[in-house]
Amino acid sequence: MKQEERLNALEVALNNEMREREFYLKHAERTKNPQGKAMFQQIADEELEHHDMLKKLHEKWMKQEKWPETLPLEVKKTRVKDVLKDLVQKADKLPEQDEDDLKAVQAAIDFESKGAAYYAKLRDAVSDPKEKAFFDLLAGIEHDHYLSLKDTEEFLTDPASWYSRTEHQPLDGA
């Protein structure tokens, strides 16, 4: 992949992260479900962290006209599963699920999947080990969001199966 193509891909990634953040903030504001708000806000915050990391890379690249020699390859672990666990612990206190929440989660699943694939494609198109590691990190983060959102989707659509799978206990209390 040529330098210009890599820089263009980085700019696409920057735009995607900000669009995803705006999507999550919109749904955090819209939902009446407190844990839904927390989940959407958490992912929005994580997307901002990714955007900021990409922006720093972009600025260094533009200044040096090459891939920076140093770049932090560390971000906070996603906390979306923690939010879902909290949701389950407070399930008897929550308002009914909103169909728009499920649609938002399903839309998010779609673009997180595409994001993971996009970063994996970038990772596979470059030869520099630092670039590979960076795009692999981003692909992994997007994949973690995807998995957490799939987990949330299952909880919203089939709570009995979700409980059975995650709690490993029968639902009849036996």
N, C-alpha and C. Protein backbone atom coordinates (compact mmCIF):
# COMPACT_ATOMS: atom_id res chain seq x y z
N MET A 1 0.86 -1.17 0.00
CA MET A 1 0.00 0.00 0.00
C MET A 1 0.91 1.23 0.00
N LYS A 2 0.59 2.17 -0.88
CA LYS A 2 1.39 3.38 -1.00
C LYS A 2 1.12 4.33 0.17
N GLN A 3 2.07 5.23 0.39
CA GLN A 3 1.98 6.19 1.49
C GLN A 3 0.67 6.99 1.42
N GLU A 4 0.32 7.48 0.23
CA GLU A 4 -0.89 8.29 0.08
C GLU A 4 -2.15 7.47 0.39
N GLU A 5 -2.16 6.23 -0.02
CA GLU A 5 -3.30 5.35 0.27
C GLU A 5 -3.43 5.11 1.78
N ARG A 6 -2.31 4.94 2.44
CA ARG A 6 -2.34 4.71 3.89
C ARG A 6 -2.83 5.95 4.61
N LEU A 7 -2.39 7.11 4.17
CA LEU A 7 -2.85 8.35 4.78
C LEU A 7 -4.35 8.55 4.54
N ASN A 8 -4.81 8.26 3.33
CA ASN A 8 -6.25 8.34 3.04
C ASN A 8 -7.05 7.37 3.90
N ALA A 9 -6.52 6.17 4.09
CA ALA A 9 -7.20 5.19 4.92
C ALA A 9 -7.28 5.68 6.36
N LEU A 10 -6.24 6.33 6.81
CA LEU A 10 -6.23 6.88 8.17
C LEU A 10 -7.28 7.98 8.31
N GLU A 11 -7.43 8.80 7.30
CA GLU A 11 -8.44 9.85 7.32
C GLU A 11 -9.85 9.26 7.32
N VAL A 12 -10.06 8.19 6.57
CA VAL A 12 -11.35 7.49 6.58
C VAL A 12 -11.63 6.96 7.98
N ALA A 13 -10.62 6.36 8.59
CA ALA A 13 -10.77 5.83 9.95
C ALA A 13 -11.12 6.93 10.94
N LEU A 14 -10.47 8.08 10.81
CA LEU A 14 -10.77 9.22 11.69
C LEU A 14 -12.25 9.63 11.56
N ASN A 15 -12.71 9.75 10.34
CA ASN A 15 -14.11 10.12 10.10
C ASN A 15 -15.06 9.06 10.63
N ASN A 16 -14.73 7.80 10.42
CA ASN A 16 -15.60 6.71 10.90
C ASN A 16 -15.73 6.73 12.42
N GLU A 17 -14.61 6.92 13.11
CA GLU A 17 -14.66 6.93 14.57
C GLU A 17 -15.55 8.06 15.09
N MET A 18 -15.47 9.22 14.44
CA MET A 18 -16.29 10.34 14.90
C MET A 18 -17.77 10.11 14.57
N ARG A 19 -18.07 9.54 13.40
CA ARG A 19 -19.46 9.23 13.07
C ARG A 19 -20.03 8.21 14.05
N GLU A 20 -19.24 7.20 14.37
CA GLU A 20 -19.70 6.19 15.33
C GLU A 20 -19.94 6.83 16.68
N ARG A 21 -19.06 7.70 17.12
CA ARG A 21 -19.25 8.40 18.41
C ARG A 21 -20.55 9.18 18.40
N GLU A 22 -20.80 9.91 17.35
CA GLU A 22 -22.04 10.70 17.25
C GLU A 22 -23.27 9.79 17.29
N PHE A 23 -23.20 8.64 16.63
CA PHE A 23 -24.30 7.67 16.66
C PHE A 23 -24.57 7.23 18.11
N TYR A 24 -23.52 6.86 18.82
CA TYR A 24 -23.69 6.38 20.19
C TYR A 24 -24.20 7.49 21.12
N LEU A 25 -23.69 8.69 20.95
CA LEU A 25 -24.17 9.81 21.78
C LEU A 25 -25.65 10.09 21.52
N LYS A 26 -26.05 10.03 20.28
CA LYS A 26 -27.46 10.25 19.92
C LYS A 26 -28.35 9.22 20.62
N HIS A 27 -27.93 7.97 20.61
CA HIS A 27 -28.74 6.93 21.23
C HIS A 27 -28.65 6.94 22.75
N ALA A 28 -27.54 7.41 23.28
CA ALA A 28 -27.44 7.58 24.74
C ALA A 28 -28.44 8.64 25.18
N GLU A 29 -28.59 9.67 24.41
CA GLU A 29 -29.53 10.75 24.71
C GLU A 29 -30.99 10.28 24.54
N ARG A 30 -31.23 9.49 23.50
CA ARG A 30 -32.59 9.09 23.14
C ARG A 30 -33.20 8.04 24.08
N THR A 31 -32.42 7.05 24.47
CA THR A 31 -33.00 5.93 25.22
C THR A 31 -33.43 6.36 26.62
N LYS A 32 -34.50 5.72 27.09
CA LYS A 32 -34.98 5.98 28.45
C LYS A 32 -34.41 4.96 29.43
N ASN A 33 -33.77 3.94 28.90
CA ASN A 33 -33.20 2.87 29.71
C ASN A 33 -31.86 3.34 30.29
N PRO A 34 -31.73 3.44 31.62
CA PRO A 34 -30.48 3.95 32.21
C PRO A 34 -29.25 3.14 31.83
N GLN A 35 -29.37 1.82 31.75
CA GLN A 35 -28.21 1.02 31.38
C GLN A 35 -27.93 1.15 29.88
N GLY A 36 -28.99 1.31 29.08
CA GLY A 36 -28.78 1.58 27.66
C GLY A 36 -28.01 2.88 27.48
N LYS A 37 -28.41 3.89 28.26
CA LYS A 37 -27.68 5.17 28.23
C LYS A 37 -26.22 4.96 28.58
N ALA A 38 -25.99 4.19 29.64
CA ALA A 38 -24.61 3.95 30.09
C ALA A 38 -23.81 3.19 29.03
N MET A 39 -24.44 2.20 28.40
CA MET A 39 -23.74 1.41 27.39
C MET A 39 -23.39 2.28 26.19
N PHE A 40 -24.37 3.03 25.67
CA PHE A 40 -24.10 3.87 24.50
C PHE A 40 -23.06 4.94 24.84
N GLN A 41 -23.13 5.51 26.04
CA GLN A 41 -22.16 6.53 26.45
C GLN A 41 -20.76 5.92 26.56
N GLN A 42 -20.68 4.71 27.11
CA GLN A 42 -19.39 4.04 27.27
C GLN A 42 -18.74 3.81 25.92
N ILE A 43 -19.50 3.31 24.95
CA ILE A 43 -18.91 3.06 23.64
C ILE A 43 -18.54 4.39 22.98
N ALA A 44 -19.37 5.42 23.15
CA ALA A 44 -19.05 6.75 22.59
C ALA A 44 -17.72 7.25 23.15
N ASP A 45 -17.51 7.07 24.45
CA ASP A 45 -16.26 7.49 25.07
C ASP A 45 -15.07 6.70 24.51
N GLU A 46 -15.27 5.42 24.29
CA GLU A 46 -14.21 4.58 23.73
C GLU A 46 -13.91 5.00 22.29
N GLU A 47 -14.95 5.33 21.53
CA GLU A 47 -14.73 5.78 20.15
C GLU A 47 -13.96 7.10 20.14
N LEU A 48 -14.22 7.97 21.11
CA LEU A 48 -13.46 9.22 21.20
C LEU A 48 -11.99 8.94 21.47
N GLU A 49 -11.72 7.99 22.35
CA GLU A 49 -10.33 7.61 22.63
C GLU A 49 -9.65 7.12 21.35
N HIS A 50 -10.36 6.30 20.56
CA HIS A 50 -9.78 5.79 19.32
C HIS A 50 -9.54 6.95 18.34
N HIS A 51 -10.51 7.85 18.25
CA HIS A 51 -10.38 9.01 17.37
C HIS A 51 -9.17 9.83 17.76
N ASP A 52 -9.01 10.09 19.05
CA ASP A 52 -7.88 10.89 19.52
C ASP A 52 -6.54 10.22 19.20
N MET A 53 -6.49 8.90 19.35
CA MET A 53 -5.28 8.16 19.04
C MET A 53 -4.98 8.27 17.53
N LEU A 54 -6.01 8.12 16.69
CA LEU A 54 -5.83 8.23 15.25
C LEU A 54 -5.42 9.66 14.85
N LYS A 55 -5.99 10.64 15.55
CA LYS A 55 -5.68 12.04 15.25
C LYS A 55 -4.20 12.33 15.55
N LYS A 56 -3.72 11.82 16.68
CA LYS A 56 -2.30 12.01 17.02
C LYS A 56 -1.40 11.37 15.97
N LEU A 57 -1.78 10.16 15.55
CA LEU A 57 -1.02 9.48 14.51
C LEU A 57 -1.04 10.33 13.23
N HIS A 58 -2.20 10.80 12.85
CA HIS A 58 -2.34 11.60 11.63
C HIS A 58 -1.48 12.86 11.71
N GLU A 59 -1.51 13.55 12.84
CA GLU A 59 -0.71 14.77 13.01
C GLU A 59 0.78 14.48 12.92
N LYS A 60 1.23 13.41 13.58
CA LYS A 60 2.65 13.04 13.52
C LYS A 60 3.04 12.69 12.08
N TRP A 61 2.17 11.95 11.41
CA TRP A 61 2.45 11.52 10.05
C TRP A 61 2.57 12.73 9.12
N MET A 62 1.64 13.67 9.26
CA MET A 62 1.66 14.86 8.42
C MET A 62 2.93 15.69 8.67
N LYS A 63 3.35 15.76 9.91
CA LYS A 63 4.53 16.54 10.29
C LYS A 63 5.81 15.88 9.77
N GLN A 64 5.89 14.55 9.93
CA GLN A 64 7.11 13.82 9.56
C GLN A 64 7.07 13.28 8.14
N GLU A 65 5.87 13.27 7.55
CA GLU A 65 5.63 12.70 6.22
C GLU A 65 5.99 11.22 6.15
N LYS A 66 5.83 10.53 7.25
CA LYS A 66 6.03 9.08 7.30
C LYS A 66 5.39 8.55 8.58
N TRP A 67 5.32 7.25 8.68
CA TRP A 67 4.79 6.61 9.88
C TRP A 67 5.69 6.99 11.05
N PRO A 68 5.11 7.46 12.16
CA PRO A 68 5.94 7.88 13.31
C PRO A 68 6.74 6.72 13.88
N GLU A 69 7.91 7.07 14.40
CA GLU A 69 8.76 6.06 15.03
C GLU A 69 8.13 5.53 16.32
N THR A 70 7.47 6.41 17.04
CA THR A 70 6.83 5.99 18.29
C THR A 70 5.36 6.34 18.24
N LEU A 71 4.59 5.46 18.78
CA LEU A 71 3.15 5.64 18.84
C LEU A 71 2.62 4.72 19.92
N PRO A 72 1.81 5.24 20.83
CA PRO A 72 1.29 4.36 21.86
C PRO A 72 0.38 3.30 21.25
N LEU A 73 0.64 2.07 21.60
CA LEU A 73 -0.18 0.97 21.11
C LEU A 73 -0.99 0.39 22.27
N GLU A 74 -1.59 1.28 23.01
CA GLU A 74 -2.36 0.85 24.16
C GLU A 74 -3.58 1.74 24.31
N VAL A 75 -4.70 1.11 24.52
CA VAL A 75 -5.93 1.84 24.82
C VAL A 75 -6.60 1.11 25.98
N LYS A 76 -7.54 1.79 26.59
CA LYS A 76 -8.27 1.15 27.68
C LYS A 76 -9.11 0.00 27.12
N LYS A 77 -9.24 -1.04 27.90
CA LYS A 77 -10.10 -2.16 27.53
C LYS A 77 -11.55 -1.70 27.51
N THR A 78 -12.32 -2.29 26.61
CA THR A 78 -13.73 -1.93 26.55
C THR A 78 -14.44 -2.36 27.82
N ARG A 79 -15.37 -1.53 28.27
CA ARG A 79 -16.12 -1.81 29.49
C ARG A 79 -17.58 -2.10 29.19
N VAL A 80 -17.91 -2.36 27.93
CA VAL A 80 -19.30 -2.56 27.55
C VAL A 80 -19.90 -3.78 28.26
N LYS A 81 -19.12 -4.85 28.40
CA LYS A 81 -19.65 -6.04 29.09
C LYS A 81 -19.97 -5.74 30.55
N ASP A 82 -19.18 -4.87 31.18
CA ASP A 82 -19.47 -4.47 32.56
C ASP A 82 -20.82 -3.76 32.64
N VAL A 83 -21.11 -2.93 31.65
CA VAL A 83 -22.38 -2.22 31.62
C VAL A 83 -23.52 -3.21 31.47
N LEU A 84 -23.35 -4.23 30.61
CA LEU A 84 -24.39 -5.24 30.43
C LEU A 84 -24.61 -6.04 31.72
N LYS A 85 -23.53 -6.38 32.42
CA LYS A 85 -23.68 -7.09 33.70
C LYS A 85 -24.46 -6.25 34.70
N ASP A 86 -24.18 -4.97 34.72
CA ASP A 86 -24.89 -4.04 35.60
C ASP A 86 -26.37 -4.00 35.22
N LEU A 87 -26.64 -4.01 33.93
CA LEU A 87 -28.02 -4.02 33.43
C LEU A 87 -28.77 -5.23 33.97
N VAL A 88 -28.13 -6.38 33.93
CA VAL A 88 -28.77 -7.61 34.38
C VAL A 88 -29.02 -7.57 35.89
N GLN A 89 -28.08 -7.04 36.65
CA GLN A 89 -28.25 -6.97 38.09
C GLN A 89 -29.40 -6.06 38.49
N LYS A 90 -29.71 -5.09 37.64
CA LYS A 90 -30.78 -4.15 37.95
C LYS A 90 -32.01 -4.38 37.07
N ALA A 91 -32.09 -5.55 36.44
CA ALA A 91 -33.12 -5.81 35.44
C ALA A 91 -34.54 -5.61 35.97
N ASP A 92 -34.80 -5.91 37.21
CA ASP A 92 -36.15 -5.76 37.73
C ASP A 92 -36.51 -4.29 37.96
N LYS A 93 -35.55 -3.39 37.92
CA LYS A 93 -35.79 -1.97 38.18
C LYS A 93 -35.86 -1.14 36.90
N LEU A 94 -35.62 -1.75 35.74
CA LEU A 94 -35.52 -1.00 34.50
C LEU A 94 -36.86 -0.86 33.80
N PRO A 95 -37.00 0.22 33.01
CA PRO A 95 -38.19 0.34 32.18
C PRO A 95 -38.15 -0.71 31.07
N GLU A 96 -39.29 -0.96 30.43
CA GLU A 96 -39.33 -1.93 29.35
C GLU A 96 -38.38 -1.52 28.24
N GLN A 97 -37.87 -2.54 27.54
CA GLN A 97 -36.97 -2.25 26.43
C GLN A 97 -37.73 -1.54 25.32
N ASP A 98 -37.05 -0.63 24.71
CA ASP A 98 -37.58 0.14 23.60
C ASP A 98 -37.13 -0.54 22.31
N GLU A 99 -38.02 -0.69 21.34
CA GLU A 99 -37.66 -1.30 20.07
C GLU A 99 -36.53 -0.53 19.39
N ASP A 100 -36.48 0.79 19.61
CA ASP A 100 -35.40 1.60 19.04
C ASP A 100 -34.05 1.24 19.63
N ASP A 101 -34.02 0.80 20.89
CA ASP A 101 -32.76 0.36 21.49
C ASP A 101 -32.22 -0.84 20.73
N LEU A 102 -33.08 -1.80 20.46
CA LEU A 102 -32.65 -2.99 19.72
C LEU A 102 -32.18 -2.61 18.32
N LYS A 103 -32.91 -1.75 17.65
CA LYS A 103 -32.50 -1.32 16.30
C LYS A 103 -31.15 -0.61 16.36
N ALA A 104 -30.94 0.21 17.37
CA ALA A 104 -29.66 0.91 17.51
C ALA A 104 -28.53 -0.08 17.75
N VAL A 105 -28.77 -1.07 18.60
CA VAL A 105 -27.75 -2.09 18.86
C VAL A 105 -27.44 -2.86 17.58
N GLN A 106 -28.47 -3.20 16.81
CA GLN A 106 -28.25 -3.94 15.57
C GLN A 106 -27.50 -3.09 14.54
N ALA A 107 -27.81 -1.81 14.45
CA ALA A 107 -27.07 -0.92 13.55
C ALA A 107 -25.61 -0.82 14.00
N ALA A 108 -25.40 -0.73 15.30
CA ALA A 108 -24.05 -0.64 15.84
C ALA A 108 -23.26 -1.92 15.56
N ILE A 109 -23.92 -3.06 15.66
CA ILE A 109 -23.28 -4.34 15.34
C ILE A 109 -22.75 -4.30 13.91
N ASP A 110 -23.58 -3.79 13.02
CA ASP A 110 -23.20 -3.73 11.61
C ASP A 110 -21.97 -2.87 11.40
N PHE A 111 -21.95 -1.64 11.95
CA PHE A 111 -20.78 -0.82 11.66
C PHE A 111 -19.55 -1.21 12.48
N GLU A 112 -19.72 -1.82 13.63
CA GLU A 112 -18.54 -2.32 14.35
C GLU A 112 -17.91 -3.49 13.59
N SER A 113 -18.75 -4.33 13.00
CA SER A 113 -18.26 -5.43 12.18
C SER A 113 -17.49 -4.90 10.98
N LYS A 114 -18.06 -3.88 10.32
CA LYS A 114 -17.39 -3.28 9.17
C LYS A 114 -16.09 -2.59 9.60
N GLY A 115 -16.10 -1.96 10.77
CA GLY A 115 -14.89 -1.31 11.28
C GLY A 115 -13.78 -2.32 11.53
N ALA A 116 -14.14 -3.43 12.16
CA ALA A 116 -13.15 -4.48 12.42
C ALA A 116 -12.57 -5.00 11.11
N ALA A 117 -13.43 -5.23 10.13
CA ALA A 117 -12.98 -5.72 8.83
C ALA A 117 -12.09 -4.70 8.13
N TYR A 118 -12.46 -3.42 8.24
CA TYR A 118 -11.68 -2.35 7.60
C TYR A 118 -10.28 -2.28 8.19
N TYR A 119 -10.18 -2.28 9.51
CA TYR A 119 -8.87 -2.21 10.14
C TYR A 119 -8.06 -3.47 9.88
N ALA A 120 -8.71 -4.62 9.82
CA ALA A 120 -8.00 -5.87 9.49
C ALA A 120 -7.46 -5.82 8.06
N LYS A 121 -8.25 -5.23 7.16
CA LYS A 121 -7.80 -5.08 5.77
C LYS A 121 -6.58 -4.17 5.71
N LEU A 122 -6.61 -3.07 6.46
CA LEU A 122 -5.45 -2.17 6.50
C LEU A 122 -4.24 -2.91 7.08
N ARG A 123 -4.48 -3.65 8.15
CA ARG A 123 -3.38 -4.41 8.78
C ARG A 123 -2.75 -5.35 7.77
N ASP A 124 -3.57 -6.02 6.99
CA ASP A 124 -3.07 -7.00 6.04
C ASP A 124 -2.42 -6.38 4.81
N ALA A 125 -2.69 -5.08 4.58
CA ALA A 125 -2.17 -4.41 3.38
C ALA A 125 -0.83 -3.73 3.62
N VAL A 126 -0.38 -3.66 4.87
CA VAL A 126 0.88 -2.98 5.16
C VAL A 126 1.94 -3.99 5.56
N SER A 127 3.19 -3.58 5.41
CA SER A 127 4.28 -4.51 5.76
C SER A 127 5.03 -4.08 7.02
N ASP A 128 4.98 -2.81 7.35
CA ASP A 128 5.69 -2.32 8.53
C ASP A 128 5.08 -2.94 9.79
N PRO A 129 5.89 -3.57 10.64
CA PRO A 129 5.36 -4.21 11.85
C PRO A 129 4.62 -3.25 12.78
N LYS A 130 5.09 -1.98 12.86
CA LYS A 130 4.40 -1.01 13.73
C LYS A 130 3.00 -0.70 13.18
N GLU A 131 2.91 -0.55 11.86
CA GLU A 131 1.61 -0.29 11.26
C GLU A 131 0.69 -1.49 11.44
N LYS A 132 1.23 -2.67 11.22
CA LYS A 132 0.43 -3.89 11.39
C LYS A 132 -0.11 -3.96 12.82
N ALA A 133 0.76 -3.72 13.80
CA ALA A 133 0.35 -3.79 15.20
C ALA A 133 -0.73 -2.76 15.52
N PHE A 134 -0.57 -1.56 14.98
CA PHE A 134 -1.53 -0.48 15.23
C PHE A 134 -2.91 -0.85 14.66
N PHE A 135 -2.95 -1.26 13.40
CA PHE A 135 -4.24 -1.59 12.79
C PHE A 135 -4.82 -2.87 13.38
N ASP A 136 -3.97 -3.77 13.83
CA ASP A 136 -4.46 -4.98 14.51
C ASP A 136 -5.12 -4.60 15.83
N LEU A 137 -4.52 -3.66 16.55
CA LEU A 137 -5.10 -3.17 17.80
C LEU A 137 -6.50 -2.60 17.54
N LEU A 138 -6.61 -1.74 16.53
CA LEU A 138 -7.91 -1.13 16.22
C LEU A 138 -8.93 -2.19 15.77
N ALA A 139 -8.50 -3.14 14.96
CA ALA A 139 -9.40 -4.22 14.53
C ALA A 139 -9.90 -5.00 15.74
N GLY A 140 -9.00 -5.27 16.68
CA GLY A 140 -9.37 -6.01 17.88
C GLY A 140 -10.37 -5.26 18.75
N ILE A 141 -10.18 -3.95 18.87
CA ILE A 141 -11.09 -3.13 19.67
C ILE A 141 -12.48 -3.13 19.05
N GLU A 142 -12.52 -2.93 17.73
CA GLU A 142 -13.82 -2.92 17.04
C GLU A 142 -14.49 -4.29 17.16
N HIS A 143 -13.68 -5.35 17.10
CA HIS A 143 -14.24 -6.69 17.25
C HIS A 143 -14.78 -6.90 18.67
N ASP A 144 -14.09 -6.38 19.67
CA ASP A 144 -14.59 -6.46 21.05
C ASP A 144 -15.92 -5.73 21.19
N HIS A 145 -16.03 -4.55 20.56
CA HIS A 145 -17.32 -3.84 20.58
C HIS A 145 -18.39 -4.68 19.90
N TYR A 146 -18.05 -5.27 18.77
CA TYR A 146 -18.98 -6.13 18.04
C TYR A 146 -19.49 -7.26 18.94
N LEU A 147 -18.57 -7.95 19.61
CA LEU A 147 -18.96 -9.07 20.48
C LEU A 147 -19.85 -8.60 21.64
N SER A 148 -19.49 -7.47 22.24
CA SER A 148 -20.29 -6.94 23.34
C SER A 148 -21.69 -6.57 22.87
N LEU A 149 -21.77 -5.98 21.70
CA LEU A 149 -23.07 -5.59 21.15
C LEU A 149 -23.90 -6.82 20.76
N LYS A 150 -23.25 -7.86 20.25
CA LYS A 150 -23.97 -9.12 19.95
C LYS A 150 -24.52 -9.70 21.25
N ASP A 151 -23.74 -9.63 22.30
CA ASP A 151 -24.17 -10.10 23.61
C ASP A 151 -25.40 -9.30 24.07
N THR A 152 -25.34 -8.00 23.88
CA THR A 152 -26.46 -7.13 24.25
C THR A 152 -27.69 -7.45 23.42
N GLU A 153 -27.48 -7.68 22.13
CA GLU A 153 -28.59 -8.04 21.25
C GLU A 153 -29.27 -9.32 21.73
N GLU A 154 -28.47 -10.32 22.09
CA GLU A 154 -29.05 -11.57 22.59
C GLU A 154 -29.83 -11.32 23.87
N PHE A 155 -29.28 -10.51 24.76
CA PHE A 155 -29.98 -10.21 26.00
C PHE A 155 -31.33 -9.55 25.72
N LEU A 156 -31.35 -8.62 24.76
CA LEU A 156 -32.59 -7.89 24.45
C LEU A 156 -33.61 -8.76 23.72
N THR A 157 -33.15 -9.69 22.90
CA THR A 157 -34.09 -10.49 22.10
C THR A 157 -34.44 -11.83 22.73
N ASP A 158 -33.53 -12.40 23.51
CA ASP A 158 -33.77 -13.72 24.08
C ASP A 158 -33.09 -13.82 25.45
N PRO A 159 -33.65 -13.11 26.44
CA PRO A 159 -33.00 -13.08 27.75
C PRO A 159 -32.82 -14.46 28.39
N ALA A 160 -33.77 -15.37 28.15
CA ALA A 160 -33.66 -16.70 28.76
C ALA A 160 -32.41 -17.42 28.25
N SER A 161 -32.18 -17.38 26.96
CA SER A 161 -30.98 -18.02 26.41
C SER A 161 -29.72 -17.32 26.90
N TRP A 162 -29.79 -15.98 26.96
CA TRP A 162 -28.63 -15.23 27.43
C TRP A 162 -28.28 -15.63 28.86
N TYR A 163 -29.30 -15.68 29.75
CA TYR A 163 -29.06 -16.09 31.14
C TYR A 163 -28.51 -17.50 31.21
N SER A 164 -29.08 -18.37 30.43
CA SER A 164 -28.63 -19.76 30.43
C SER A 164 -27.17 -19.86 30.01
N ARG A 165 -26.80 -19.13 28.99
CA ARG A 165 -25.43 -19.17 28.48
C ARG A 165 -24.45 -18.50 29.43
N THR A 166 -24.81 -17.36 29.99
CA THR A 166 -23.85 -16.60 30.79
C THR A 166 -23.83 -17.00 32.26
N GLU A 167 -24.95 -17.41 32.77
CA GLU A 167 -25.02 -17.74 34.20
C GLU A 167 -24.86 -19.25 34.44
N HIS A 168 -25.01 -20.04 33.39
CA HIS A 168 -24.88 -21.49 33.48
C HIS A 168 -25.78 -22.09 34.56
N GLN A 169 -26.95 -21.50 34.69
CA GLN A 169 -27.92 -22.02 35.66
C GLN A 169 -29.27 -22.16 34.97
N PRO A 170 -30.04 -23.17 35.37
CA PRO A 170 -31.38 -23.28 34.81
C PRO A 170 -32.25 -22.12 35.32
N LEU A 171 -33.21 -21.73 34.52
CA LEU A 171 -34.07 -20.59 34.89
C LEU A 171 -35.18 -20.95 35.87
N ASP A 172 -35.42 -22.26 36.07
CA ASP A 172 -36.51 -22.64 36.96
C ASP A 172 -36.11 -22.59 38.43
N GLY A 173 -34.88 -22.21 38.72
CA GLY A 173 -34.44 -22.08 40.09
C GLY A 173 -34.00 -23.38 40.72
N ALA A 174 -34.00 -24.45 39.96
CA ALA A 174 -33.62 -25.75 40.50
C ALA A 174 -32.13 -25.92 40.55
